[in-house]
Amino acid sequence: MKFIVNMVQAELVQVLAEGLVLGDKMGFTADKILEVLDTRGVASPLFHLKGRAMARGDFTRSLALKYVLEQLHMVLNAARLMGQNLPGAEAASKVYEKAVNAGWGEEDFSAVIKALR
């Protein structure tokens, strides 16, 4: 069960980062995007907490990005052994890997947003 929780959490934060980066390029502030997300069906404590931290540029570690990547690799290996394809997790792992390779592995996993900018 831990694998599933870790995978979903990693993918959700990475998708939130994509939304914030795209929204910024479209002229929306992170605060406005998060306000809209908070009032829609996708509202979640994870989005609220990590989204606000990303908006502030606060990547104080609660869970290191490098460990999230490590967990994604474990999930993907387990899935391969079972013959299961996980395209979302594969895509997310590439973004987390880019962030780790850029030197942000010790920061909170919300720092994945830096790899998308």
PDB file of N, CA and C in Angstrom:
ATOM      1  N   MET A   1       0.821  -1.198   0.000  1.00  0.00           N
ATOM      2  CA  MET A   1       0.000   0.000   0.000  1.00  0.00           C
ATOM      3  C   MET A   1       0.866   1.263   0.000  1.00  0.00           C
ATOM      4  N   LYS A   2       1.990   1.212   0.707  1.00  0.00           N
ATOM      5  CA  LYS A   2       2.877   2.384   0.777  1.00  0.00           C
ATOM      6  C   LYS A   2       3.347   2.790  -0.618  1.00  0.00           C
ATOM      7  N   PHE A   3       3.642   1.809  -1.465  1.00  0.00           N
ATOM      8  CA  PHE A   3       4.056   2.108  -2.836  1.00  0.00           C
ATOM      9  C   PHE A   3       2.997   2.940  -3.558  1.00  0.00           C
ATOM     10  N   ILE A   4       1.755   2.564  -3.395  1.00  0.00           N
ATOM     11  CA  ILE A   4       0.668   3.254  -4.090  1.00  0.00           C
ATOM     12  C   ILE A   4       0.542   4.689  -3.585  1.00  0.00           C
ATOM     13  N   VAL A   5       0.566   4.852  -2.273  1.00  0.00           N
ATOM     14  CA  VAL A   5       0.467   6.196  -1.688  1.00  0.00           C
ATOM     15  C   VAL A   5       1.627   7.069  -2.160  1.00  0.00           C
ATOM     16  N   ASN A   6       2.838   6.541  -2.110  1.00  0.00           N
ATOM     17  CA  ASN A   6       4.014   7.300  -2.528  1.00  0.00           C
ATOM     18  C   ASN A   6       3.941   7.693  -3.995  1.00  0.00           C
ATOM     19  N   MET A   7       3.510   6.764  -4.841  1.00  0.00           N
ATOM     20  CA  MET A   7       3.407   7.038  -6.268  1.00  0.00           C
ATOM     21  C   MET A   7       2.375   8.136  -6.540  1.00  0.00           C
ATOM     22  N   VAL A   8       1.207   8.007  -5.945  1.00  0.00           N
ATOM     23  CA  VAL A   8       0.149   8.994  -6.172  1.00  0.00           C
ATOM     24  C   VAL A   8       0.569  10.366  -5.658  1.00  0.00           C
ATOM     25  N   GLN A   9       1.149  10.413  -4.484  1.00  0.00           N
ATOM     26  CA  GLN A   9       1.600  11.684  -3.907  1.00  0.00           C
ATOM     27  C   GLN A   9       2.644  12.342  -4.802  1.00  0.00           C
ATOM     28  N   ALA A  10       3.613  11.573  -5.282  1.00  0.00           N
ATOM     29  CA  ALA A  10       4.671  12.113  -6.141  1.00  0.00           C
ATOM     30  C   ALA A  10       4.082  12.663  -7.440  1.00  0.00           C
ATOM     31  N   GLU A  11       3.166  11.912  -8.033  1.00  0.00           N
ATOM     32  CA  GLU A  11       2.564  12.356  -9.286  1.00  0.00           C
ATOM     33  C   GLU A  11       1.692  13.592  -9.084  1.00  0.00           C
ATOM     34  N   LEU A  12       0.951  13.650  -7.995  1.00  0.00           N
ATOM     35  CA  LEU A  12       0.099  14.814  -7.740  1.00  0.00           C
ATOM     36  C   LEU A  12       0.915  16.095  -7.571  1.00  0.00           C
ATOM     37  N   VAL A  13       2.000  16.023  -6.838  1.00  0.00           N
ATOM     38  CA  VAL A  13       2.833  17.211  -6.636  1.00  0.00           C
ATOM     39  C   VAL A  13       3.479  17.628  -7.948  1.00  0.00           C
ATOM     40  N   GLN A  14       3.907  16.673  -8.748  1.00  0.00           N
ATOM     41  CA  GLN A  14       4.519  16.998 -10.033  1.00  0.00           C
ATOM     42  C   GLN A  14       3.481  17.639 -10.965  1.00  0.00           C
ATOM     43  N   VAL A  15       2.270  17.134 -10.988  1.00  0.00           N
ATOM     44  CA  VAL A  15       1.208  17.710 -11.821  1.00  0.00           C
ATOM     45  C   VAL A  15       0.837  19.113 -11.331  1.00  0.00           C
ATOM     46  N   LEU A  16       0.780  19.297 -10.036  1.00  0.00           N
ATOM     47  CA  LEU A  16       0.518  20.629  -9.485  1.00  0.00           C
ATOM     48  C   LEU A  16       1.606  21.604  -9.929  1.00  0.00           C
ATOM     49  N   ALA A  17       2.850  21.170  -9.881  1.00  0.00           N
ATOM     50  CA  ALA A  17       3.957  22.017 -10.328  1.00  0.00           C
ATOM     51  C   ALA A  17       3.783  22.396 -11.798  1.00  0.00           C
ATOM     52  N   GLU A  18       3.377  21.438 -12.627  1.00  0.00           N
ATOM     53  CA  GLU A  18       3.131  21.733 -14.043  1.00  0.00           C
ATOM     54  C   GLU A  18       2.051  22.795 -14.193  1.00  0.00           C
ATOM     55  N   GLY A  19       0.978  22.653 -13.437  1.00  0.00           N
ATOM     56  CA  GLY A  19      -0.108  23.626 -13.506  1.00  0.00           C
ATOM     57  C   GLY A  19       0.330  25.016 -13.094  1.00  0.00           C
ATOM     58  N   LEU A  20       1.123  25.099 -12.047  1.00  0.00           N
ATOM     59  CA  LEU A  20       1.604  26.404 -11.582  1.00  0.00           C
ATOM     60  C   LEU A  20       2.533  27.054 -12.596  1.00  0.00           C
ATOM     61  N   VAL A  21       3.406  26.252 -13.204  1.00  0.00           N
ATOM     62  CA  VAL A  21       4.337  26.794 -14.196  1.00  0.00           C
ATOM     63  C   VAL A  21       3.580  27.243 -15.449  1.00  0.00           C
ATOM     64  N   LEU A  22       2.672  26.420 -15.933  1.00  0.00           N
ATOM     65  CA  LEU A  22       1.883  26.798 -17.110  1.00  0.00           C
ATOM     66  C   LEU A  22       1.021  28.019 -16.814  1.00  0.00           C
ATOM     67  N   GLY A  23       0.375  28.023 -15.665  1.00  0.00           N
ATOM     68  CA  GLY A  23      -0.451  29.166 -15.281  1.00  0.00           C
ATOM     69  C   GLY A  23       0.343  30.454 -15.211  1.00  0.00           C
ATOM     70  N   ASP A  24       1.551  30.379 -14.687  1.00  0.00           N
ATOM     71  CA  ASP A  24       2.415  31.549 -14.620  1.00  0.00           C
ATOM     72  C   ASP A  24       2.705  32.078 -16.024  1.00  0.00           C
ATOM     73  N   LYS A  25       3.002  31.171 -16.945  1.00  0.00           N
ATOM     74  CA  LYS A  25       3.294  31.580 -18.324  1.00  0.00           C
ATOM     75  C   LYS A  25       2.053  32.172 -19.004  1.00  0.00           C
ATOM     76  N   MET A  26       0.875  31.797 -18.518  1.00  0.00           N
ATOM     77  CA  MET A  26      -0.370  32.326 -19.068  1.00  0.00           C
ATOM     78  C   MET A  26      -0.792  33.627 -18.381  1.00  0.00           C
ATOM     79  N   GLY A  27      -0.007  34.053 -17.366  1.00  0.00           N
ATOM     80  CA  GLY A  27      -0.288  35.314 -16.697  1.00  0.00           C
ATOM     81  C   GLY A  27      -1.048  35.214 -15.391  1.00  0.00           C
ATOM     82  N   PHE A  28      -1.260  34.015 -14.898  1.00  0.00           N
ATOM     83  CA  PHE A  28      -1.966  33.833 -13.627  1.00  0.00           C
ATOM     84  C   PHE A  28      -0.972  33.726 -12.481  1.00  0.00           C
ATOM     85  N   THR A  29      -1.298  34.310 -11.341  1.00  0.00           N
ATOM     86  CA  THR A  29      -0.440  34.167 -10.169  1.00  0.00           C
ATOM     87  C   THR A  29      -0.671  32.796  -9.550  1.00  0.00           C
ATOM     88  N   ALA A  30       0.338  32.313  -8.853  1.00  0.00           N
ATOM     89  CA  ALA A  30       0.197  31.036  -8.148  1.00  0.00           C
ATOM     90  C   ALA A  30      -0.937  31.116  -7.141  1.00  0.00           C
ATOM     91  N   ASP A  31      -1.060  32.244  -6.456  1.00  0.00           N
ATOM     92  CA  ASP A  31      -2.134  32.404  -5.474  1.00  0.00           C
ATOM     93  C   ASP A  31      -3.508  32.251  -6.120  1.00  0.00           C
ATOM     94  N   LYS A  32      -3.687  32.821  -7.306  1.00  0.00           N
ATOM     95  CA  LYS A  32      -4.975  32.731  -7.993  1.00  0.00           C
ATOM     96  C   LYS A  32      -5.252  31.292  -8.425  1.00  0.00           C
ATOM     97  N   ILE A  33      -4.247  30.629  -8.952  1.00  0.00           N
ATOM     98  CA  ILE A  33      -4.412  29.230  -9.367  1.00  0.00           C
ATOM     99  C   ILE A  33      -4.798  28.372  -8.172  1.00  0.00           C
ATOM    100  N   LEU A  34      -4.090  28.551  -7.065  1.00  0.00           N
ATOM    101  CA  LEU A  34      -4.369  27.757  -5.867  1.00  0.00           C
ATOM    102  C   LEU A  34      -5.749  28.073  -5.293  1.00  0.00           C
ATOM    103  N   GLU A  35      -6.147  29.327  -5.364  1.00  0.00           N
ATOM    104  CA  GLU A  35      -7.485  29.713  -4.904  1.00  0.00           C
ATOM    105  C   GLU A  35      -8.556  28.981  -5.713  1.00  0.00           C
ATOM    106  N   VAL A  36      -8.378  28.934  -7.027  1.00  0.00           N
ATOM    107  CA  VAL A  36      -9.340  28.244  -7.887  1.00  0.00           C
ATOM    108  C   VAL A  36      -9.323  26.740  -7.599  1.00  0.00           C
ATOM    109  N   LEU A  37      -8.140  26.162  -7.473  1.00  0.00           N
ATOM    110  CA  LEU A  37      -8.050  24.727  -7.170  1.00  0.00           C
ATOM    111  C   LEU A  37      -8.716  24.399  -5.837  1.00  0.00           C
ATOM    112  N   ASP A  38      -8.557  25.295  -4.859  1.00  0.00           N
ATOM    113  CA  ASP A  38      -9.152  25.067  -3.543  1.00  0.00           C
ATOM    114  C   ASP A  38     -10.680  25.057  -3.578  1.00  0.00           C
ATOM    115  N   THR A  39     -11.266  25.671  -4.592  1.00  0.00           N
ATOM    116  CA  THR A  39     -12.729  25.742  -4.659  1.00  0.00           C
ATOM    117  C   THR A  39     -13.317  24.746  -5.653  1.00  0.00           C
ATOM    118  N   ARG A  40     -12.504  23.941  -6.257  1.00  0.00           N
ATOM    119  CA  ARG A  40     -12.962  22.971  -7.242  1.00  0.00           C
ATOM    120  C   ARG A  40     -12.842  21.554  -6.686  1.00  0.00           C
ATOM    121  N   GLY A  41     -13.225  20.618  -7.494  1.00  0.00           N
ATOM    122  CA  GLY A  41     -13.217  19.213  -7.093  1.00  0.00           C
ATOM    123  C   GLY A  41     -11.844  18.631  -6.855  1.00  0.00           C
ATOM    124  N   VAL A  42     -10.791  19.358  -7.199  1.00  0.00           N
ATOM    125  CA  VAL A  42      -9.441  18.837  -6.997  1.00  0.00           C
ATOM    126  C   VAL A  42      -8.804  19.345  -5.712  1.00  0.00           C
ATOM    127  N   ALA A  43      -9.558  20.076  -4.917  1.00  0.00           N
ATOM    128  CA  ALA A  43      -9.028  20.602  -3.658  1.00  0.00           C
ATOM    129  C   ALA A  43      -8.516  19.452  -2.791  1.00  0.00           C
ATOM    130  N   SER A  44      -7.348  19.662  -2.203  1.00  0.00           N
ATOM    131  CA  SER A  44      -6.793  18.645  -1.310  1.00  0.00           C
ATOM    132  C   SER A  44      -5.807  19.304  -0.369  1.00  0.00           C
ATOM    133  N   PRO A  45      -5.639  18.732   0.817  1.00  0.00           N
ATOM    134  CA  PRO A  45      -4.630  19.267   1.745  1.00  0.00           C
ATOM    135  C   PRO A  45      -3.229  19.261   1.130  1.00  0.00           C
ATOM    136  N   LEU A  46      -2.911  18.236   0.339  1.00  0.00           N
ATOM    137  CA  LEU A  46      -1.598  18.159  -0.292  1.00  0.00           C
ATOM    138  C   LEU A  46      -1.401  19.329  -1.259  1.00  0.00           C
ATOM    139  N   PHE A  47      -2.383  19.595  -2.106  1.00  0.00           N
ATOM    140  CA  PHE A  47      -2.287  20.716  -3.039  1.00  0.00           C
ATOM    141  C   PHE A  47      -2.168  22.029  -2.279  1.00  0.00           C
ATOM    142  N   HIS A  48      -2.941  22.180  -1.232  1.00  0.00           N
ATOM    143  CA  HIS A  48      -2.913  23.424  -0.470  1.00  0.00           C
ATOM    144  C   HIS A  48      -1.531  23.641   0.159  1.00  0.00           C
ATOM    145  N   LEU A  49      -1.035  22.632   0.847  1.00  0.00           N
ATOM    146  CA  LEU A  49       0.248  22.741   1.547  1.00  0.00           C
ATOM    147  C   LEU A  49       1.422  22.915   0.580  1.00  0.00           C
ATOM    148  N   LYS A  50       1.545  22.009  -0.371  1.00  0.00           N
ATOM    149  CA  LYS A  50       2.691  22.045  -1.281  1.00  0.00           C
ATOM    150  C   LYS A  50       2.568  23.184  -2.285  1.00  0.00           C
ATOM    151  N   GLY A  51       1.347  23.488  -2.715  1.00  0.00           N
ATOM    152  CA  GLY A  51       1.153  24.597  -3.649  1.00  0.00           C
ATOM    153  C   GLY A  51       1.556  25.923  -3.051  1.00  0.00           C
ATOM    154  N   ARG A  52       1.165  26.163  -1.811  1.00  0.00           N
ATOM    155  CA  ARG A  52       1.542  27.418  -1.141  1.00  0.00           C
ATOM    156  C   ARG A  52       3.063  27.491  -0.946  1.00  0.00           C
ATOM    157  N   ALA A  53       3.662  26.362  -0.593  1.00  0.00           N
ATOM    158  CA  ALA A  53       5.117  26.333  -0.422  1.00  0.00           C
ATOM    159  C   ALA A  53       5.818  26.632  -1.745  1.00  0.00           C
ATOM    160  N   MET A  54       5.343  26.037  -2.835  1.00  0.00           N
ATOM    161  CA  MET A  54       5.934  26.299  -4.152  1.00  0.00           C
ATOM    162  C   MET A  54       5.780  27.775  -4.521  1.00  0.00           C
ATOM    163  N   ALA A  55       4.618  28.336  -4.237  1.00  0.00           N
ATOM    164  CA  ALA A  55       4.363  29.747  -4.560  1.00  0.00           C
ATOM    165  C   ALA A  55       5.330  30.661  -3.809  1.00  0.00           C
ATOM    166  N   ARG A  56       5.673  30.294  -2.574  1.00  0.00           N
ATOM    167  CA  ARG A  56       6.606  31.093  -1.765  1.00  0.00           C
ATOM    168  C   ARG A  56       8.063  30.791  -2.094  1.00  0.00           C
ATOM    169  N   GLY A  57       8.289  29.722  -2.829  1.00  0.00           N
ATOM    170  CA  GLY A  57       9.666  29.294  -3.072  1.00  0.00           C
ATOM    171  C   GLY A  57      10.282  28.676  -1.835  1.00  0.00           C
ATOM    172  N   ASP A  58       9.436  28.123  -0.974  1.00  0.00           N
ATOM    173  CA  ASP A  58       9.880  27.516   0.287  1.00  0.00           C
ATOM    174  C   ASP A  58       9.964  26.005   0.110  1.00  0.00           C
ATOM    175  N   PHE A  59      11.164  25.508  -0.016  1.00  0.00           N
ATOM    176  CA  PHE A  59      11.362  24.080  -0.233  1.00  0.00           C
ATOM    177  C   PHE A  59      12.008  23.422   0.980  1.00  0.00           C
ATOM    178  N   THR A  60      11.630  23.941   2.178  1.00  0.00           N
ATOM    179  CA  THR A  60      12.086  23.343   3.427  1.00  0.00           C
ATOM    180  C   THR A  60      11.628  21.888   3.431  1.00  0.00           C
ATOM    181  N   ARG A  61      12.542  21.018   3.664  1.00  0.00           N
ATOM    182  CA  ARG A  61      12.295  19.586   3.472  1.00  0.00           C
ATOM    183  C   ARG A  61      11.379  18.973   4.521  1.00  0.00           C
ATOM    184  N   SER A  62      10.340  18.314   4.023  1.00  0.00           N
ATOM    185  CA  SER A  62       9.583  17.383   4.857  1.00  0.00           C
ATOM    186  C   SER A  62       9.847  15.973   4.328  1.00  0.00           C
ATOM    187  N   LEU A  63      10.044  15.878   3.019  1.00  0.00           N
ATOM    188  CA  LEU A  63      10.424  14.619   2.370  1.00  0.00           C
ATOM    189  C   LEU A  63      11.353  14.990   1.214  1.00  0.00           C
ATOM    190  N   ALA A  64      12.570  14.511   1.279  1.00  0.00           N
ATOM    191  CA  ALA A  64      13.576  14.884   0.280  1.00  0.00           C
ATOM    192  C   ALA A  64      13.193  14.382  -1.104  1.00  0.00           C
ATOM    193  N   LEU A  65      13.407  15.232  -2.078  1.00  0.00           N
ATOM    194  CA  LEU A  65      13.119  14.922  -3.468  1.00  0.00           C
ATOM    195  C   LEU A  65      13.838  13.642  -3.903  1.00  0.00           C
ATOM    196  N   LYS A  66      15.073  13.458  -3.468  1.00  0.00           N
ATOM    197  CA  LYS A  66      15.832  12.267  -3.870  1.00  0.00           C
ATOM    198  C   LYS A  66      15.173  10.976  -3.370  1.00  0.00           C
ATOM    199  N   TYR A  67      14.516  11.044  -2.220  1.00  0.00           N
ATOM    200  CA  TYR A  67      13.844   9.852  -1.704  1.00  0.00           C
ATOM    201  C   TYR A  67      12.555   9.561  -2.466  1.00  0.00           C
ATOM    202  N   VAL A  68      11.895  10.604  -2.924  1.00  0.00           N
ATOM    203  CA  VAL A  68      10.695  10.416  -3.743  1.00  0.00           C
ATOM    204  C   VAL A  68      11.083   9.741  -5.056  1.00  0.00           C
ATOM    205  N   LEU A  69      12.180  10.186  -5.652  1.00  0.00           N
ATOM    206  CA  LEU A  69      12.657   9.547  -6.882  1.00  0.00           C
ATOM    207  C   LEU A  69      12.999   8.081  -6.628  1.00  0.00           C
ATOM    208  N   GLU A  70      13.670   7.833  -5.527  1.00  0.00           N
ATOM    209  CA  GLU A  70      14.022   6.459  -5.156  1.00  0.00           C
ATOM    210  C   GLU A  70      12.761   5.595  -5.022  1.00  0.00           C
ATOM    211  N   GLN A  71      11.743   6.138  -4.377  1.00  0.00           N
ATOM    212  CA  GLN A  71      10.487   5.405  -4.202  1.00  0.00           C
ATOM    213  C   GLN A  71       9.796   5.168  -5.542  1.00  0.00           C
ATOM    214  N   LEU A  72       9.824   6.172  -6.418  1.00  0.00           N
ATOM    215  CA  LEU A  72       9.233   5.990  -7.747  1.00  0.00           C
ATOM    216  C   LEU A  72       9.947   4.872  -8.499  1.00  0.00           C
ATOM    217  N   HIS A  73      11.260   4.813  -8.391  1.00  0.00           N
ATOM    218  CA  HIS A  73      12.001   3.733  -9.052  1.00  0.00           C
ATOM    219  C   HIS A  73      11.596   2.372  -8.486  1.00  0.00           C
ATOM    220  N   MET A  74      11.409   2.278  -7.185  1.00  0.00           N
ATOM    221  CA  MET A  74      10.972   1.018  -6.576  1.00  0.00           C
ATOM    222  C   MET A  74       9.586   0.623  -7.068  1.00  0.00           C
ATOM    223  N   VAL A  75       8.675   1.595  -7.142  1.00  0.00           N
ATOM    224  CA  VAL A  75       7.318   1.338  -7.644  1.00  0.00           C
ATOM    225  C   VAL A  75       7.380   0.839  -9.082  1.00  0.00           C
ATOM    226  N   LEU A  76       8.155   1.515  -9.905  1.00  0.00           N
ATOM    227  CA  LEU A  76       8.244   1.133 -11.315  1.00  0.00           C
ATOM    228  C   LEU A  76       8.854  -0.246 -11.488  1.00  0.00           C
ATOM    229  N   ASN A  77       9.858  -0.566 -10.681  1.00  0.00           N
ATOM    230  CA  ASN A  77      10.454  -1.908 -10.743  1.00  0.00           C
ATOM    231  C   ASN A  77       9.446  -2.970 -10.330  1.00  0.00           C
ATOM    232  N   ALA A  78       8.702  -2.712  -9.267  1.00  0.00           N
ATOM    233  CA  ALA A  78       7.680  -3.662  -8.820  1.00  0.00           C
ATOM    234  C   ALA A  78       6.606  -3.830  -9.892  1.00  0.00           C
ATOM    235  N   ALA A  79       6.208  -2.740 -10.507  1.00  0.00           N
ATOM    236  CA  ALA A  79       5.183  -2.797 -11.551  1.00  0.00           C
ATOM    237  C   ALA A  79       5.674  -3.626 -12.746  1.00  0.00           C
ATOM    238  N   ARG A  80       6.926  -3.431 -13.129  1.00  0.00           N
ATOM    239  CA  ARG A  80       7.494  -4.199 -14.254  1.00  0.00           C
ATOM    240  C   ARG A  80       7.468  -5.695 -13.957  1.00  0.00           C
ATOM    241  N   LEU A  81       7.807  -6.053 -12.716  1.00  0.00           N
ATOM    242  CA  LEU A  81       7.794  -7.468 -12.331  1.00  0.00           C
ATOM    243  C   LEU A  81       6.400  -8.078 -12.445  1.00  0.00           C
ATOM    244  N   MET A  82       5.384  -7.246 -12.295  1.00  0.00           N
ATOM    245  CA  MET A  82       3.994  -7.707 -12.392  1.00  0.00           C
ATOM    246  C   MET A  82       3.414  -7.499 -13.789  1.00  0.00           C
ATOM    247  N   GLY A  83       4.226  -6.981 -14.690  1.00  0.00           N
ATOM    248  CA  GLY A  83       3.759  -6.751 -16.045  1.00  0.00           C
ATOM    249  C   GLY A  83       2.830  -5.558 -16.187  1.00  0.00           C
ATOM    250  N   GLN A  84       2.925  -4.626 -15.241  1.00  0.00           N
ATOM    251  CA  GLN A  84       2.046  -3.459 -15.244  1.00  0.00           C
ATOM    252  C   GLN A  84       2.782  -2.226 -15.764  1.00  0.00           C
ATOM    253  N   ASN A  85       2.197  -1.557 -16.737  1.00  0.00           N
ATOM    254  CA  ASN A  85       2.732  -0.316 -17.270  1.00  0.00           C
ATOM    255  C   ASN A  85       2.169   0.855 -16.471  1.00  0.00           C
ATOM    256  N   LEU A  86       3.033   1.771 -16.038  1.00  0.00           N
ATOM    257  CA  LEU A  86       2.616   2.964 -15.287  1.00  0.00           C
ATOM    258  C   LEU A  86       3.164   4.213 -15.983  1.00  0.00           C
ATOM    259  N   PRO A  87       2.508   4.645 -17.072  1.00  0.00           N
ATOM    260  CA  PRO A  87       3.048   5.765 -17.842  1.00  0.00           C
ATOM    261  C   PRO A  87       3.125   7.073 -17.062  1.00  0.00           C
ATOM    262  N   GLY A  88       2.188   7.332 -16.173  1.00  0.00           N
ATOM    263  CA  GLY A  88       2.226   8.555 -15.365  1.00  0.00           C
ATOM    264  C   GLY A  88       3.416   8.557 -14.417  1.00  0.00           C
ATOM    265  N   ALA A  89       3.646   7.439 -13.774  1.00  0.00           N
ATOM    266  CA  ALA A  89       4.783   7.326 -12.861  1.00  0.00           C
ATOM    267  C   ALA A  89       6.104   7.403 -13.618  1.00  0.00           C
ATOM    268  N   GLU A  90       6.148   6.809 -14.821  1.00  0.00           N
ATOM    269  CA  GLU A  90       7.352   6.906 -15.666  1.00  0.00           C
ATOM    270  C   GLU A  90       7.658   8.354 -15.993  1.00  0.00           C
ATOM    271  N   ALA A  91       6.636   9.091 -16.417  1.00  0.00           N
ATOM    272  CA  ALA A  91       6.820  10.499 -16.775  1.00  0.00           C
ATOM    273  C   ALA A  91       7.249  11.320 -15.564  1.00  0.00           C
ATOM    274  N   ALA A  92       6.583  11.102 -14.440  1.00  0.00           N
ATOM    275  CA  ALA A  92       6.933  11.844 -13.217  1.00  0.00           C
ATOM    276  C   ALA A  92       8.359  11.543 -12.791  1.00  0.00           C
ATOM    277  N   SER A  93       8.771  10.290 -12.884  1.00  0.00           N
ATOM    278  CA  SER A  93      10.128   9.929 -12.452  1.00  0.00           C
ATOM    279  C   SER A  93      11.182  10.664 -13.277  1.00  0.00           C
ATOM    280  N   LYS A  94      10.900  10.920 -14.539  1.00  0.00           N
ATOM    281  CA  LYS A  94      11.854  11.651 -15.384  1.00  0.00           C
ATOM    282  C   LYS A  94      12.005  13.096 -14.915  1.00  0.00           C
ATOM    283  N   VAL A  95      10.906  13.704 -14.488  1.00  0.00           N
ATOM    284  CA  VAL A  95      10.970  15.082 -13.997  1.00  0.00           C
ATOM    285  C   VAL A  95      11.701  15.131 -12.655  1.00  0.00           C
ATOM    286  N   TYR A  96      11.394  14.187 -11.758  1.00  0.00           N
ATOM    287  CA  TYR A  96      12.104  14.129 -10.474  1.00  0.00           C
ATOM    288  C   TYR A  96      13.593  13.856 -10.699  1.00  0.00           C
ATOM    289  N   GLU A  97      13.917  13.002 -11.656  1.00  0.00           N
ATOM    290  CA  GLU A  97      15.307  12.703 -11.953  1.00  0.00           C
ATOM    291  C   GLU A  97      16.032  13.960 -12.449  1.00  0.00           C
ATOM    292  N   LYS A  98      15.369  14.729 -13.289  1.00  0.00           N
ATOM    293  CA  LYS A  98      15.952  15.994 -13.765  1.00  0.00           C
ATOM    294  C   LYS A  98      16.243  16.926 -12.583  1.00  0.00           C
ATOM    295  N   ALA A  99      15.323  16.979 -11.629  1.00  0.00           N
ATOM    296  CA  ALA A  99      15.499  17.836 -10.448  1.00  0.00           C
ATOM    297  C   ALA A  99      16.662  17.352  -9.577  1.00  0.00           C
ATOM    298  N   VAL A 100      16.752  16.055  -9.366  1.00  0.00           N
ATOM    299  CA  VAL A 100      17.862  15.500  -8.570  1.00  0.00           C
ATOM    300  C   VAL A 100      19.192  15.780  -9.270  1.00  0.00           C
ATOM    301  N   ASN A 101      19.233  15.551 -10.577  1.00  0.00           N
ATOM    302  CA  ASN A 101      20.465  15.786 -11.334  1.00  0.00           C
ATOM    303  C   ASN A 101      20.875  17.259 -11.336  1.00  0.00           C
ATOM    304  N   ALA A 102      19.903  18.153 -11.160  1.00  0.00           N
ATOM    305  CA  ALA A 102      20.197  19.590 -11.099  1.00  0.00           C
ATOM    306  C   ALA A 102      20.691  20.011  -9.714  1.00  0.00           C
ATOM    307  N   GLY A 103      20.670  19.075  -8.750  1.00  0.00           N
ATOM    308  CA  GLY A 103      21.212  19.376  -7.431  1.00  0.00           C
ATOM    309  C   GLY A 103      20.188  19.699  -6.359  1.00  0.00           C
ATOM    310  N   TRP A 104      18.902  19.433  -6.625  1.00  0.00           N
ATOM    311  CA  TRP A 104      17.849  19.767  -5.666  1.00  0.00           C
ATOM    312  C   TRP A 104      17.353  18.560  -4.877  1.00  0.00           C
ATOM    313  N   GLY A 105      18.091  17.472  -4.893  1.00  0.00           N
ATOM    314  CA  GLY A 105      17.670  16.235  -4.247  1.00  0.00           C
ATOM    315  C   GLY A 105      17.470  16.319  -2.744  1.00  0.00           C
ATOM    316  N   GLU A 106      18.194  17.205  -2.076  1.00  0.00           N
ATOM    317  CA  GLU A 106      18.073  17.349  -0.623  1.00  0.00           C
ATOM    318  C   GLU A 106      16.894  18.237  -0.223  1.00  0.00           C
ATOM    319  N   GLU A 107      16.327  18.956  -1.178  1.00  0.00           N
ATOM    320  CA  GLU A 107      15.206  19.841  -0.876  1.00  0.00           C
ATOM    321  C   GLU A 107      13.909  19.041  -0.831  1.00  0.00           C
ATOM    322  N   ASP A 108      12.859  19.678  -0.352  1.00  0.00           N
ATOM    323  CA  ASP A 108      11.551  19.032  -0.326  1.00  0.00           C
ATOM    324  C   ASP A 108      11.147  18.635  -1.742  1.00  0.00           C
ATOM    325  N   PHE A 109      10.362  17.582  -1.845  1.00  0.00           N
ATOM    326  CA  PHE A 109       9.989  17.101  -3.172  1.00  0.00           C
ATOM    327  C   PHE A 109       9.144  18.090  -3.961  1.00  0.00           C
ATOM    328  N   SER A 110       8.606  19.119  -3.306  1.00  0.00           N
ATOM    329  CA  SER A 110       7.905  20.167  -4.043  1.00  0.00           C
ATOM    330  C   SER A 110       8.863  20.989  -4.897  1.00  0.00           C
ATOM    331  N   ALA A 111      10.161  20.866  -4.646  1.00  0.00           N
ATOM    332  CA  ALA A 111      11.172  21.556  -5.463  1.00  0.00           C
ATOM    333  C   ALA A 111      11.205  21.009  -6.879  1.00  0.00           C
ATOM    334  N   VAL A 112      10.435  19.967  -7.150  1.00  0.00           N
ATOM    335  CA  VAL A 112      10.333  19.435  -8.509  1.00  0.00           C
ATOM    336  C   VAL A 112       9.883  20.527  -9.481  1.00  0.00           C
ATOM    337  N   ILE A 113       9.202  21.546  -8.973  1.00  0.00           N
ATOM    338  CA  ILE A 113       8.755  22.658  -9.814  1.00  0.00           C
ATOM    339  C   ILE A 113       9.949  23.345 -10.492  1.00  0.00           C
ATOM    340  N   LYS A 114      11.094  23.342  -9.843  1.00  0.00           N
ATOM    341  CA  LYS A 114      12.280  23.989 -10.406  1.00  0.00           C
ATOM    342  C   LYS A 114      12.705  23.325 -11.715  1.00  0.00           C
ATOM    343  N   ALA A 115      12.468  22.035 -11.828  1.00  0.00           N
ATOM    344  CA  ALA A 115      12.839  21.294 -13.036  1.00  0.00           C
ATOM    345  C   ALA A 115      11.928  21.618 -14.216  1.00  0.00           C
ATOM    346  N   LEU A 116      10.805  22.237 -13.937  1.00  0.00           N
ATOM    347  CA  LEU A 116       9.836  22.558 -14.980  1.00  0.00           C
ATOM    348  C   LEU A 116       9.924  23.994 -15.454  1.00  0.00           C
ATOM    349  N   ARG A 117      10.658  24.814 -14.742  1.00  0.00           N
ATOM    350  CA  ARG A 117      10.764  26.234 -15.105  1.00  0.00           C
ATOM    351  C   ARG A 117      11.814  26.443 -16.163  1.00  0.00           C
TER     352      ARG A 117
END
